[in-house]
Amino acid sequence: MKLENIIFDEIEIGYNVSVVRTVTTSDVLGFAALTGDYNPVHLNEAYAKQTRFHGVVAHGMWTAAQISAVIGTRLPGPGSIYLSQDLKFVAPVKVGDEITTKITVIDKDMNHGIVTLDCQCTNQNKQEVVFGIASVLAPQEKQFVEVIEPTVKVFEKIS
């Protein structure tokens, strides 16, 4: 797969990218293994049913990682440097939910090459699950980067 970035000079306020991904059990298990976050609300159905969520939920940071993925691969893409993120987690995400991650440019700092991004994740019911603001140092040079696709297939729709 070839990735192409959007350099700072090409980025305009209002520019946005959306990616849709369905949460799978493999995502939740893999995220737990990757991070070491074995909180039973993510892994133990009997335990999770006794919580306010009434069942297993995906890690909140899995959803935050979807924001990071859009920034690192699409807007601005390769060469981006994540500077900060302020997030609010407002609804649970469960296996089977279809999460749309939308990133919108809301400001450009011409002196420092930084873009401010509005970040929003919604589920299949258009319910917001995570939102916030990110600051990213945008790349200055155009890049086309070939990456090896993982053997685990991820199903996403890009719009």
Protein backbone atom coordinates (compact mmCIF):
# COMPACT_ATOMS: atom_id res chain seq x y z
CA MET A 1 0.00 0.00 0.00
CA LYS A 2 1.31 3.46 -0.86
CA LEU A 3 0.67 6.39 1.46
CA GLU A 4 0.82 10.02 0.37
CA ASN A 5 0.96 12.92 2.77
CA ILE A 6 -0.56 16.38 2.54
CA ILE A 7 2.08 19.01 3.21
CA PHE A 8 1.42 22.07 5.34
CA ASP A 9 1.16 24.43 2.37
CA GLU A 10 -1.55 22.23 0.76
CA ILE A 11 -3.70 22.00 3.88
CA GLU A 12 -6.69 24.30 4.04
CA ILE A 13 -9.00 25.08 6.95
CA GLY A 14 -12.11 22.96 6.55
CA TYR A 15 -10.31 20.10 4.83
CA ASN A 16 -11.46 16.79 6.31
CA VAL A 17 -11.04 13.04 6.04
CA SER A 18 -13.27 10.26 7.38
CA VAL A 19 -12.49 6.57 7.85
CA VAL A 20 -15.01 3.93 8.93
CA ARG A 21 -13.98 0.81 10.83
CA THR A 22 -15.99 -1.92 12.53
CA VAL A 23 -14.75 -3.00 15.97
CA THR A 24 -13.97 -6.72 16.17
CA THR A 25 -13.24 -9.07 19.05
CA SER A 26 -9.76 -9.43 17.56
CA ASP A 27 -9.30 -5.66 17.85
CA VAL A 28 -10.14 -5.73 21.56
CA LEU A 29 -8.01 -8.79 22.30
CA GLY A 30 -5.12 -7.48 20.22
CA PHE A 31 -5.26 -4.07 21.88
CA ALA A 32 -5.22 -5.72 25.31
CA ALA A 33 -2.22 -7.84 24.32
CA LEU A 34 -0.41 -4.88 22.76
CA THR A 35 -0.92 -2.50 25.69
CA GLY A 36 -1.17 -4.88 28.64
CA ASP A 37 -4.55 -3.35 29.53
CA TYR A 38 -6.41 -6.43 30.73
CA ASN A 39 -9.19 -4.53 32.49
CA PRO A 40 -12.00 -7.11 32.72
CA VAL A 41 -14.56 -4.61 31.37
CA HIS A 42 -12.85 -5.25 28.01
CA LEU A 43 -12.27 -9.00 28.31
CA ASN A 44 -14.70 -10.67 30.70
CA GLU A 45 -18.37 -10.73 29.66
CA ALA A 46 -19.68 -11.86 33.08
CA TYR A 47 -17.76 -9.08 34.83
CA ALA A 48 -18.65 -6.47 32.20
CA LYS A 49 -22.39 -7.25 32.45
CA GLN A 50 -22.27 -6.04 36.06
CA THR A 51 -20.90 -2.63 35.04
CA ARG A 52 -22.67 0.48 33.83
CA PHE A 53 -21.98 -0.69 30.25
CA HIS A 54 -23.89 -3.99 30.66
CA GLY A 55 -21.33 -5.82 28.56
CA VAL A 56 -17.81 -5.80 27.18
CA VAL A 57 -16.62 -2.51 25.72
CA ALA A 58 -13.61 -1.70 23.57
CA HIS A 59 -10.76 0.20 25.15
CA GLY A 60 -11.29 3.94 24.93
CA MET A 61 -7.75 4.26 23.68
CA TRP A 62 -8.57 1.89 20.79
CA THR A 63 -10.90 4.61 19.55
CA ALA A 64 -8.24 7.26 20.20
CA ALA A 65 -5.83 5.13 18.18
CA GLN A 66 -8.22 5.41 15.22
CA ILE A 67 -7.70 9.18 15.37
CA SER A 68 -3.94 8.63 15.40
CA ALA A 69 -4.24 6.29 12.42
CA VAL A 70 -6.11 8.88 10.34
CA ILE A 71 -3.57 11.57 11.24
CA GLY A 72 -0.59 9.31 10.50
CA THR A 73 -1.87 7.90 7.23
CA ARG A 74 -4.28 10.42 5.69
CA LEU A 75 -4.34 13.94 7.18
CA PRO A 76 -1.63 15.12 7.13
CA GLY A 77 -0.20 11.60 6.73
CA PRO A 78 3.41 10.38 6.68
CA GLY A 79 5.82 12.82 8.27
CA SER A 80 3.23 14.17 10.73
CA ILE A 81 4.35 14.73 14.30
CA TYR A 82 1.58 14.42 16.89
CA LEU A 83 2.07 17.22 19.43
CA SER A 84 -1.00 17.05 21.65
CA GLN A 85 -4.48 15.60 22.00
CA ASP A 86 -7.39 16.55 24.24
CA LEU A 87 -10.15 13.93 24.18
CA LYS A 88 -13.53 13.37 25.79
CA PHE A 89 -14.93 9.84 25.92
CA VAL A 90 -18.71 10.24 25.95
CA ALA A 91 -20.21 6.85 25.02
CA PRO A 92 -19.08 3.22 25.07
CA VAL A 93 -17.84 1.43 21.98
CA LYS A 94 -18.76 -2.25 21.67
CA VAL A 95 -17.70 -5.09 19.41
CA GLY A 96 -19.67 -4.79 16.18
CA ASP A 97 -19.97 -1.00 16.35
CA GLU A 98 -19.08 0.80 13.13
CA ILE A 99 -16.91 3.75 14.13
CA THR A 100 -16.48 6.72 11.81
CA THR A 101 -13.40 8.76 12.60
CA LYS A 102 -13.52 12.25 11.11
CA ILE A 103 -10.63 14.71 11.25
CA THR A 104 -11.23 18.34 10.21
CA VAL A 105 -8.63 21.11 9.96
CA ILE A 106 -9.79 24.05 12.08
CA ASP A 107 -6.65 26.18 12.30
CA LYS A 108 -3.16 26.63 10.83
CA ASP A 109 -0.22 28.20 12.65
CA MET A 110 1.74 29.69 9.75
CA ASN A 111 4.74 30.52 11.96
CA HIS A 112 5.26 27.00 13.29
CA GLY A 113 3.75 24.68 10.65
CA ILE A 114 1.19 23.34 13.10
CA VAL A 115 -2.36 22.37 12.20
CA THR A 116 -5.17 22.11 14.72
CA LEU A 117 -7.58 19.29 14.04
CA ASP A 118 -11.11 18.70 15.27
CA CYS A 119 -11.39 14.97 15.90
CA GLN A 120 -14.68 13.14 16.14
CA CYS A 121 -15.62 9.48 16.39
CA THR A 122 -19.24 8.45 15.95
CA ASN A 123 -20.94 5.07 15.90
CA GLN A 124 -23.34 3.60 13.35
CA ASN A 125 -26.21 5.48 15.03
CA LYS A 126 -24.43 8.82 14.46
CA GLN A 127 -23.86 9.00 18.24
CA GLU A 128 -20.65 10.71 19.21
CA VAL A 129 -18.41 8.40 21.23
CA VAL A 130 -15.16 10.40 21.36
CA PHE A 131 -14.30 13.97 20.42
CA GLY A 132 -11.44 16.37 20.89
CA ILE A 133 -8.75 18.58 19.45
CA ALA A 134 -5.29 17.56 18.22
CA SER A 135 -2.25 19.64 17.37
CA VAL A 136 0.01 18.22 14.69
CA LEU A 137 3.23 19.41 13.14
CA ALA A 138 2.48 18.96 9.46
CA PRO A 139 5.12 17.71 7.04
CA GLN A 140 6.86 20.29 4.86
CA GLU A 141 7.97 17.91 2.11
CA LYS A 142 5.82 15.70 -0.08
CA GLN A 143 6.21 11.99 0.63
CA PHE A 144 5.01 8.84 -1.09
CA VAL A 145 5.74 5.92 1.22
CA GLU A 146 5.24 2.24 0.52
CA VAL A 147 4.17 0.29 3.60
CA ILE A 148 3.69 -3.41 4.07
CA GLU A 149 0.08 -4.22 4.80
CA PRO A 150 -0.41 -6.36 7.90
CA THR A 151 -1.53 -9.93 7.40
CA VAL A 152 -4.61 -9.20 9.51
CA LYS A 153 -7.15 -7.54 7.25
CA VAL A 154 -8.79 -4.36 8.45
CA PHE A 155 -12.08 -3.44 6.83
CA GLU A 156 -12.55 0.27 6.40
CA LYS A 157 -14.40 2.64 4.14
CA ILE A 158 -12.78 5.91 3.18
CA SER A 159 -14.92 8.88 2.30
